[in-house]
Amino acid sequence: MKSSISDSKKQVTKSDFDKALKKLATKADLKKLATKEELKKLATKEELKKLATKDELKKVEEKLEVLARQVAINTSDIQELKIEIKGLKNEVVGLKFEINDLKERMTALENKMDRRFDMVIEAIDGIAARFDKSEAERAAMQHTFLRHEHRLDDHEIRIATLEGE
């Protein structure tokens, strides 16, 4: 059965018609809707079937929660390591000071040993000079002794010659 305006029990007035027109979409309203080209770019049923299901998303969410807990544990471990590293840095600084102190003490000890070594060398040089002098004197005395011995021999020969005559 066809329905027409005249068949209906109520007559449509101009204001009813204007109200109905206002409810219809305008060209500007239609421009806001997607075009055929834009609709072609939307996902197809096949593509939507490839997307994750609620169960799969729940499993991923559970895995993410596990990972979040592991990250929290790792973050805590990292903080502890940072504190330990800071302590080690402080120890290294302390060791550097101790090393510098030891270097200064070693330098002072080296200088003291150098002075003492110089004193020993000077003493040895003095002893060596005395020994050289003593050797020279001994050589001179030996030469003198030999010369005197030769003279004595010559005198003995003369005396024997004189006595024998």
N, C-alpha and C. Protein backbone atom coordinates (compact mmCIF):
# COMPACT_ATOMS: atom_id res chain seq x y z
N MET A 1 0.83 -1.16 0.00
CA MET A 1 0.00 0.00 0.00
C MET A 1 0.88 1.23 0.00
N LYS A 2 0.50 2.13 -0.89
CA LYS A 2 1.25 3.37 -1.02
C LYS A 2 0.78 4.34 0.01
N SER A 3 1.76 5.04 0.52
CA SER A 3 1.35 6.05 1.47
C SER A 3 1.58 7.39 0.82
N SER A 4 0.73 8.25 1.02
CA SER A 4 0.87 9.59 0.49
C SER A 4 0.45 10.57 1.55
N ILE A 5 0.74 11.79 1.27
CA ILE A 5 0.42 12.83 2.25
C ILE A 5 -1.10 12.93 2.37
N SER A 6 -1.75 12.76 1.33
CA SER A 6 -3.21 12.90 1.39
C SER A 6 -3.85 11.71 2.09
N ASP A 7 -3.19 10.53 2.06
CA ASP A 7 -3.75 9.35 2.67
C ASP A 7 -3.60 9.36 4.19
N SER A 8 -2.60 10.04 4.68
CA SER A 8 -2.37 10.02 6.12
C SER A 8 -3.46 10.75 6.83
N LYS A 9 -3.63 10.42 8.05
CA LYS A 9 -4.70 11.01 8.83
C LYS A 9 -4.40 12.45 9.18
N LYS A 10 -3.15 12.76 9.23
CA LYS A 10 -2.79 14.12 9.62
C LYS A 10 -2.24 14.81 8.39
N GLN A 11 -2.56 15.98 8.23
CA GLN A 11 -2.08 16.80 7.13
C GLN A 11 -0.74 17.40 7.52
N VAL A 12 0.22 17.42 6.57
CA VAL A 12 1.54 18.00 6.83
C VAL A 12 1.44 19.48 6.56
N THR A 13 1.93 20.20 7.53
CA THR A 13 1.91 21.64 7.37
C THR A 13 3.26 22.11 6.86
N LYS A 14 3.29 23.37 6.48
CA LYS A 14 4.54 23.95 5.99
C LYS A 14 5.58 23.94 7.10
N SER A 15 5.23 24.19 8.32
CA SER A 15 6.21 24.19 9.42
C SER A 15 6.74 22.79 9.66
N ASP A 16 5.88 21.74 9.49
CA ASP A 16 6.34 20.37 9.63
C ASP A 16 7.36 20.06 8.53
N PHE A 17 7.03 20.55 7.34
CA PHE A 17 7.93 20.34 6.20
C PHE A 17 9.26 21.05 6.43
N ASP A 18 9.26 22.26 6.94
CA ASP A 18 10.49 23.03 7.21
C ASP A 18 11.32 22.33 8.29
N LYS A 19 10.64 21.80 9.30
CA LYS A 19 11.35 21.08 10.37
C LYS A 19 12.03 19.84 9.80
N ALA A 20 11.33 19.13 8.93
CA ALA A 20 11.89 17.93 8.32
C ALA A 20 13.08 18.29 7.46
N LEU A 21 13.01 19.40 6.75
CA LEU A 21 14.12 19.85 5.91
C LEU A 21 15.34 20.20 6.76
N LYS A 22 15.10 20.78 7.90
CA LYS A 22 16.22 21.15 8.78
C LYS A 22 16.93 19.91 9.31
N LYS A 23 16.20 18.80 9.43
CA LYS A 23 16.78 17.58 9.94
C LYS A 23 17.61 16.87 8.86
N LEU A 24 17.41 17.17 7.61
CA LEU A 24 18.15 16.54 6.52
C LEU A 24 19.57 17.11 6.46
N ALA A 25 20.48 16.31 5.95
CA ALA A 25 21.89 16.73 5.86
C ALA A 25 22.06 17.73 4.73
N THR A 26 22.95 18.68 4.99
CA THR A 26 23.27 19.68 3.97
C THR A 26 24.51 19.22 3.21
N LYS A 27 24.85 19.97 2.14
CA LYS A 27 26.06 19.64 1.39
C LYS A 27 27.29 19.75 2.29
N ALA A 28 27.31 20.74 3.16
CA ALA A 28 28.44 20.91 4.07
C ALA A 28 28.52 19.71 5.02
N ASP A 29 27.35 19.23 5.47
CA ASP A 29 27.34 18.05 6.34
C ASP A 29 27.86 16.83 5.60
N LEU A 30 27.48 16.68 4.37
CA LEU A 30 27.90 15.53 3.57
C LEU A 30 29.40 15.58 3.26
N LYS A 31 29.95 16.78 3.14
CA LYS A 31 31.39 16.92 2.86
C LYS A 31 32.23 16.43 4.04
N LYS A 32 31.64 16.48 5.22
CA LYS A 32 32.35 16.02 6.42
C LYS A 32 32.45 14.49 6.46
N LEU A 33 31.60 13.82 5.72
CA LEU A 33 31.60 12.36 5.69
C LEU A 33 32.72 11.86 4.80
N ALA A 34 33.07 10.58 4.93
CA ALA A 34 34.15 9.98 4.15
C ALA A 34 33.75 9.86 2.70
N THR A 35 34.73 10.04 1.81
CA THR A 35 34.50 9.88 0.38
C THR A 35 34.69 8.42 0.01
N LYS A 36 34.35 8.06 -1.22
CA LYS A 36 34.52 6.69 -1.69
C LYS A 36 35.99 6.29 -1.60
N GLU A 37 36.89 7.20 -1.98
CA GLU A 37 38.32 6.91 -1.93
C GLU A 37 38.78 6.67 -0.49
N GLU A 38 38.27 7.48 0.42
CA GLU A 38 38.63 7.30 1.82
C GLU A 38 38.07 5.99 2.37
N LEU A 39 36.88 5.62 1.94
CA LEU A 39 36.28 4.37 2.38
C LEU A 39 37.07 3.18 1.86
N LYS A 40 37.67 3.31 0.67
CA LYS A 40 38.47 2.23 0.11
C LYS A 40 39.74 2.00 0.93
N LYS A 41 40.19 3.05 1.60
CA LYS A 41 41.41 2.96 2.41
C LYS A 41 41.16 2.28 3.77
N LEU A 42 39.92 2.13 4.16
CA LEU A 42 39.59 1.50 5.44
C LEU A 42 39.87 0.01 5.38
N ALA A 43 40.02 -0.60 6.55
CA ALA A 43 40.34 -2.03 6.63
C ALA A 43 39.18 -2.88 6.12
N THR A 44 39.55 -3.97 5.44
CA THR A 44 38.55 -4.91 4.94
C THR A 44 38.26 -5.94 6.02
N LYS A 45 37.23 -6.79 5.80
CA LYS A 45 36.89 -7.84 6.76
C LYS A 45 38.07 -8.78 6.94
N GLU A 46 38.75 -9.11 5.84
CA GLU A 46 39.90 -10.01 5.92
C GLU A 46 41.01 -9.39 6.77
N GLU A 47 41.22 -8.10 6.56
CA GLU A 47 42.26 -7.42 7.34
C GLU A 47 41.88 -7.34 8.82
N LEU A 48 40.60 -7.14 9.08
CA LEU A 48 40.14 -7.09 10.46
C LEU A 48 40.27 -8.45 11.14
N LYS A 49 40.12 -9.53 10.37
CA LYS A 49 40.27 -10.86 10.92
C LYS A 49 41.71 -11.12 11.35
N LYS A 50 42.65 -10.45 10.71
CA LYS A 50 44.06 -10.63 11.04
C LYS A 50 44.45 -9.92 12.34
N LEU A 51 43.63 -9.01 12.77
CA LEU A 51 43.94 -8.27 14.01
C LEU A 51 43.79 -9.18 15.22
N ALA A 52 44.42 -8.76 16.32
CA ALA A 52 44.42 -9.57 17.54
C ALA A 52 43.02 -9.64 18.14
N THR A 53 42.74 -10.81 18.73
CA THR A 53 41.47 -10.99 19.43
C THR A 53 41.60 -10.50 20.86
N LYS A 54 40.48 -10.47 21.57
CA LYS A 54 40.50 -10.04 22.97
C LYS A 54 41.40 -10.95 23.79
N ASP A 55 41.32 -12.26 23.53
CA ASP A 55 42.14 -13.21 24.28
C ASP A 55 43.62 -12.96 24.01
N GLU A 56 43.95 -12.72 22.75
CA GLU A 56 45.35 -12.45 22.39
C GLU A 56 45.83 -11.16 23.04
N LEU A 57 44.96 -10.15 23.03
CA LEU A 57 45.32 -8.88 23.67
C LEU A 57 45.49 -9.06 25.18
N LYS A 58 44.67 -9.94 25.78
CA LYS A 58 44.80 -10.20 27.22
C LYS A 58 46.14 -10.85 27.51
N LYS A 59 46.55 -11.81 26.66
CA LYS A 59 47.85 -12.46 26.84
C LYS A 59 48.98 -11.45 26.72
N VAL A 60 48.86 -10.56 25.74
CA VAL A 60 49.89 -9.52 25.57
C VAL A 60 49.92 -8.62 26.79
N GLU A 61 48.73 -8.29 27.30
CA GLU A 61 48.66 -7.44 28.50
C GLU A 61 49.33 -8.12 29.68
N GLU A 62 49.10 -9.45 29.83
CA GLU A 62 49.73 -10.19 30.92
C GLU A 62 51.24 -10.19 30.77
N LYS A 63 51.70 -10.38 29.54
CA LYS A 63 53.15 -10.36 29.28
C LYS A 63 53.72 -8.98 29.58
N LEU A 64 52.96 -7.95 29.23
CA LEU A 64 53.43 -6.59 29.52
C LEU A 64 53.50 -6.34 31.03
N GLU A 65 52.56 -6.91 31.77
CA GLU A 65 52.59 -6.77 33.23
C GLU A 65 53.83 -7.45 33.80
N VAL A 66 54.15 -8.65 33.26
CA VAL A 66 55.35 -9.36 33.71
C VAL A 66 56.58 -8.52 33.39
N LEU A 67 56.61 -7.99 32.18
CA LEU A 67 57.75 -7.14 31.79
C LEU A 67 57.85 -5.91 32.67
N ALA A 68 56.68 -5.32 33.01
CA ALA A 68 56.68 -4.14 33.88
C ALA A 68 57.27 -4.47 35.25
N ARG A 69 56.92 -5.66 35.78
CA ARG A 69 57.48 -6.08 37.07
C ARG A 69 59.00 -6.28 36.95
N GLN A 70 59.42 -6.89 35.85
CA GLN A 70 60.85 -7.09 35.64
C GLN A 70 61.59 -5.76 35.50
N VAL A 71 60.96 -4.82 34.81
CA VAL A 71 61.57 -3.50 34.68
C VAL A 71 61.69 -2.83 36.05
N ALA A 72 60.66 -2.99 36.88
CA ALA A 72 60.70 -2.41 38.23
C ALA A 72 61.84 -3.03 39.04
N ILE A 73 61.99 -4.36 38.92
CA ILE A 73 63.08 -5.05 39.63
C ILE A 73 64.42 -4.56 39.11
N ASN A 74 64.54 -4.49 37.78
CA ASN A 74 65.80 -4.03 37.17
C ASN A 74 66.10 -2.59 37.57
N THR A 75 65.07 -1.76 37.63
CA THR A 75 65.27 -0.37 38.03
C THR A 75 65.80 -0.31 39.46
N SER A 76 65.23 -1.15 40.31
CA SER A 76 65.70 -1.22 41.70
C SER A 76 67.16 -1.67 41.74
N ASP A 77 67.47 -2.70 40.95
CA ASP A 77 68.86 -3.19 40.89
C ASP A 77 69.79 -2.10 40.39
N ILE A 78 69.34 -1.37 39.39
CA ILE A 78 70.16 -0.29 38.84
C ILE A 78 70.43 0.78 39.90
N GLN A 79 69.41 1.10 40.68
CA GLN A 79 69.58 2.09 41.74
C GLN A 79 70.61 1.60 42.76
N GLU A 80 70.52 0.31 43.11
CA GLU A 80 71.50 -0.25 44.05
C GLU A 80 72.90 -0.19 43.45
N LEU A 81 73.02 -0.51 42.17
CA LEU A 81 74.33 -0.45 41.51
C LEU A 81 74.86 0.98 41.48
N LYS A 82 73.97 1.94 41.24
CA LYS A 82 74.40 3.34 41.24
C LYS A 82 74.96 3.72 42.61
N ILE A 83 74.28 3.27 43.67
CA ILE A 83 74.76 3.57 45.02
C ILE A 83 76.11 2.90 45.26
N GLU A 84 76.24 1.66 44.81
CA GLU A 84 77.51 0.94 44.97
C GLU A 84 78.62 1.60 44.16
N ILE A 85 78.29 2.04 42.96
CA ILE A 85 79.29 2.72 42.12
C ILE A 85 79.72 4.02 42.78
N LYS A 86 78.77 4.74 43.38
CA LYS A 86 79.11 5.98 44.06
C LYS A 86 80.07 5.71 45.21
N GLY A 87 79.81 4.61 45.95
CA GLY A 87 80.71 4.22 47.04
C GLY A 87 82.09 3.87 46.50
N LEU A 88 82.11 3.15 45.38
CA LEU A 88 83.40 2.79 44.77
C LEU A 88 84.15 4.02 44.29
N LYS A 89 83.41 4.98 43.75
CA LYS A 89 84.05 6.23 43.32
C LYS A 89 84.70 6.93 44.51
N ASN A 90 83.98 6.94 45.64
CA ASN A 90 84.54 7.55 46.84
C ASN A 90 85.80 6.82 47.29
N GLU A 91 85.76 5.49 47.20
CA GLU A 91 86.95 4.70 47.57
C GLU A 91 88.11 5.01 46.63
N VAL A 92 87.80 5.16 45.35
CA VAL A 92 88.85 5.47 44.36
C VAL A 92 89.46 6.83 44.68
N VAL A 93 88.62 7.78 45.02
CA VAL A 93 89.15 9.12 45.38
C VAL A 93 90.06 8.99 46.59
N GLY A 94 89.63 8.20 47.59
CA GLY A 94 90.46 7.99 48.79
C GLY A 94 91.78 7.33 48.42
N LEU A 95 91.72 6.34 47.53
CA LEU A 95 92.94 5.66 47.09
C LEU A 95 93.86 6.62 46.34
N LYS A 96 93.28 7.51 45.56
CA LYS A 96 94.10 8.50 44.84
C LYS A 96 94.87 9.37 45.83
N PHE A 97 94.17 9.79 46.90
CA PHE A 97 94.84 10.60 47.92
C PHE A 97 95.96 9.80 48.58
N GLU A 98 95.68 8.54 48.89
CA GLU A 98 96.70 7.70 49.51
C GLU A 98 97.89 7.50 48.57
N ILE A 99 97.60 7.30 47.29
CA ILE A 99 98.67 7.12 46.31
C ILE A 99 99.52 8.38 46.22
N ASN A 100 98.86 9.54 46.19
CA ASN A 100 99.62 10.80 46.14
C ASN A 100 100.48 10.96 47.39
N ASP A 101 99.93 10.59 48.55
CA ASP A 101 100.70 10.66 49.79
C ASP A 101 101.90 9.73 49.71
N LEU A 102 101.67 8.51 49.22
CA LEU A 102 102.79 7.55 49.08
C LEU A 102 103.83 8.06 48.09
N LYS A 103 103.38 8.69 47.01
CA LYS A 103 104.33 9.25 46.04
C LYS A 103 105.19 10.32 46.69
N GLU A 104 104.55 11.18 47.48
CA GLU A 104 105.30 12.24 48.17
C GLU A 104 106.31 11.63 49.14
N ARG A 105 105.84 10.62 49.88
CA ARG A 105 106.75 9.97 50.83
C ARG A 105 107.89 9.27 50.10
N MET A 106 107.60 8.62 48.97
CA MET A 106 108.64 7.95 48.19
C MET A 106 109.64 8.96 47.65
N THR A 107 109.14 10.09 47.19
CA THR A 107 110.03 11.14 46.68
C THR A 107 110.94 11.64 47.80
N ALA A 108 110.35 11.88 48.98
CA ALA A 108 111.15 12.33 50.11
C ALA A 108 112.19 11.27 50.48
N LEU A 109 111.77 10.00 50.47
CA LEU A 109 112.70 8.90 50.77
C LEU A 109 113.80 8.81 49.72
N GLU A 110 113.44 8.97 48.45
CA GLU A 110 114.45 8.95 47.38
C GLU A 110 115.46 10.07 47.57
N ASN A 111 114.95 11.25 47.90
CA ASN A 111 115.86 12.39 48.11
C ASN A 111 116.80 12.11 49.29
N LYS A 112 116.24 11.56 50.37
CA LYS A 112 117.05 11.23 51.54
C LYS A 112 118.09 10.17 51.19
N MET A 113 117.66 9.14 50.42
CA MET A 113 118.59 8.08 50.01
C MET A 113 119.66 8.65 49.07
N ASP A 114 119.27 9.57 48.20
CA ASP A 114 120.24 10.19 47.29
C ASP A 114 121.30 10.95 48.10
N ARG A 115 120.84 11.70 49.11
CA ARG A 115 121.80 12.44 49.94
C ARG A 115 122.75 11.48 50.66
N ARG A 116 122.18 10.41 51.21
CA ARG A 116 123.02 9.44 51.92
C ARG A 116 123.95 8.71 50.95
N PHE A 117 123.44 8.39 49.78
CA PHE A 117 124.27 7.73 48.77
C PHE A 117 125.42 8.65 48.37
N ASP A 118 125.09 9.94 48.22
CA ASP A 118 126.14 10.91 47.89
C ASP A 118 127.19 10.95 48.99
N MET A 119 126.73 10.88 50.25
CA MET A 119 127.68 10.89 51.37
C MET A 119 128.56 9.64 51.32
N VAL A 120 127.96 8.48 51.03
CA VAL A 120 128.73 7.24 50.96
C VAL A 120 129.73 7.33 49.81
N ILE A 121 129.30 7.83 48.67
CA ILE A 121 130.19 7.97 47.51
C ILE A 121 131.34 8.90 47.85
N GLU A 122 131.02 10.02 48.53
CA GLU A 122 132.09 10.95 48.92
C GLU A 122 133.08 10.27 49.86
N ALA A 123 132.56 9.47 50.81
CA ALA A 123 133.44 8.76 51.74
C ALA A 123 134.29 7.75 50.98
N ILE A 124 133.67 7.02 50.05
CA ILE A 124 134.42 6.04 49.25
C ILE A 124 135.47 6.76 48.40
N ASP A 125 135.10 7.90 47.84
CA ASP A 125 136.06 8.68 47.05
C ASP A 125 137.24 9.11 47.92
N GLY A 126 136.92 9.51 49.17
CA GLY A 126 138.00 9.90 50.09
C GLY A 126 138.91 8.73 50.41
N ILE A 127 138.28 7.57 50.67
CA ILE A 127 139.08 6.36 50.96
C ILE A 127 139.90 5.97 49.74
N ALA A 128 139.27 6.06 48.55
CA ALA A 128 139.98 5.71 47.32
C ALA A 128 141.15 6.66 47.09
N ALA A 129 140.94 7.95 47.40
CA ALA A 129 142.02 8.93 47.24
C ALA A 129 143.16 8.61 48.20
N ARG A 130 142.80 8.27 49.45
CA ARG A 130 143.84 7.89 50.43
C ARG A 130 144.58 6.64 49.97
N PHE A 131 143.81 5.68 49.44
CA PHE A 131 144.43 4.44 48.97
C PHE A 131 145.38 4.75 47.81
N ASP A 132 144.92 5.59 46.87
CA ASP A 132 145.78 5.96 45.74
C ASP A 132 147.04 6.67 46.24
N LYS A 133 146.84 7.57 47.20
CA LYS A 133 147.99 8.28 47.76
C LYS A 133 148.92 7.30 48.46
N SER A 134 148.33 6.38 49.21
CA SER A 134 149.12 5.39 49.92
C SER A 134 149.87 4.51 48.94
N GLU A 135 149.22 4.11 47.84
CA GLU A 135 149.87 3.30 46.81
C GLU A 135 151.02 4.07 46.18
N ALA A 136 150.77 5.35 45.92
CA ALA A 136 151.84 6.17 45.33
C ALA A 136 153.01 6.29 46.31
N GLU A 137 152.68 6.51 47.59
CA GLU A 137 153.75 6.61 48.59
C GLU A 137 154.48 5.28 48.71
N ARG A 138 153.74 4.17 48.71
CA ARG A 138 154.37 2.84 48.79
C ARG A 138 155.29 2.61 47.60
N ALA A 139 154.80 3.01 46.42
CA ALA A 139 155.63 2.83 45.21
C ALA A 139 156.89 3.69 45.32
N ALA A 140 156.74 4.92 45.84
CA ALA A 140 157.90 5.80 45.99
C ALA A 140 158.85 5.23 47.03
N MET A 141 158.29 4.71 48.13
CA MET A 141 159.14 4.13 49.17
C MET A 141 159.85 2.88 48.64
N GLN A 142 159.13 2.10 47.87
CA GLN A 142 159.73 0.89 47.33
C GLN A 142 160.88 1.27 46.39
N HIS A 143 160.63 2.28 45.60
CA HIS A 143 161.69 2.73 44.69
C HIS A 143 162.89 3.24 45.49
N THR A 144 162.58 4.00 46.54
CA THR A 144 163.66 4.49 47.40
C THR A 144 164.38 3.33 48.06
N PHE A 145 163.62 2.38 48.54
CA PHE A 145 164.20 1.21 49.18
C PHE A 145 165.12 0.47 48.21
N LEU A 146 164.66 0.27 46.99
CA LEU A 146 165.49 -0.44 45.99
C LEU A 146 166.76 0.37 45.70
N ARG A 147 166.62 1.64 45.59
CA ARG A 147 167.78 2.48 45.33
C ARG A 147 168.78 2.36 46.49
N HIS A 148 168.21 2.41 47.71
CA HIS A 148 169.10 2.26 48.88
C HIS A 148 169.71 0.88 48.92
N GLU A 149 168.96 -0.12 48.55
CA GLU A 149 169.48 -1.48 48.55
C GLU A 149 170.62 -1.59 47.54
N HIS A 150 170.46 -0.99 46.39
CA HIS A 150 171.53 -1.01 45.39
C HIS A 150 172.77 -0.27 45.91
N ARG A 151 172.55 0.81 46.60
CA ARG A 151 173.69 1.54 47.15
C ARG A 151 174.41 0.70 48.21
N LEU A 152 173.56 0.04 49.03
CA LEU A 152 174.17 -0.80 50.05
C LEU A 152 174.98 -1.92 49.40
N ASP A 153 174.42 -2.49 48.36
CA ASP A 153 175.15 -3.54 47.66
C ASP A 153 176.47 -2.98 47.12
N ASP A 154 176.37 -1.82 46.56
CA ASP A 154 177.60 -1.19 46.03
C ASP A 154 178.57 -0.93 47.18
N HIS A 155 178.09 -0.48 48.31
CA HIS A 155 178.97 -0.21 49.45
C HIS A 155 179.58 -1.51 49.96
N GLU A 156 178.80 -2.53 50.00
CA GLU A 156 179.34 -3.81 50.47
C GLU A 156 180.45 -4.28 49.53
N ILE A 157 180.23 -4.10 48.24
CA ILE A 157 181.26 -4.51 47.27
C ILE A 157 182.50 -3.66 47.50
N ARG A 158 182.36 -2.38 47.72
CA ARG A 158 183.52 -1.52 47.94
C ARG A 158 184.23 -1.89 49.23
N ILE A 159 183.41 -2.13 50.26
CA ILE A 159 184.02 -2.50 51.54
C ILE A 159 184.77 -3.82 51.38
N ALA A 160 184.17 -4.76 50.74
CA ALA A 160 184.84 -6.04 50.53
C ALA A 160 186.08 -5.86 49.71
N THR A 161 186.01 -4.98 48.73
CA THR A 161 187.17 -4.72 47.91
C THR A 161 188.25 -4.05 48.76
N LEU A 162 187.87 -3.12 49.57
CA LEU A 162 188.82 -2.43 50.42
C LEU A 162 189.39 -3.38 51.47
N GLU A 163 188.59 -4.19 51.99
CA GLU A 163 189.06 -5.14 53.00
C GLU A 163 189.93 -6.19 52.36
N GLY A 164 189.63 -6.53 51.22
CA GLY A 164 190.37 -7.57 50.53
C GLY A 164 191.67 -7.03 50.02
N GLU A 165 191.84 -5.93 49.93
CA GLU A 165 193.10 -5.38 49.43
C GLU A 165 194.05 -5.42 50.48
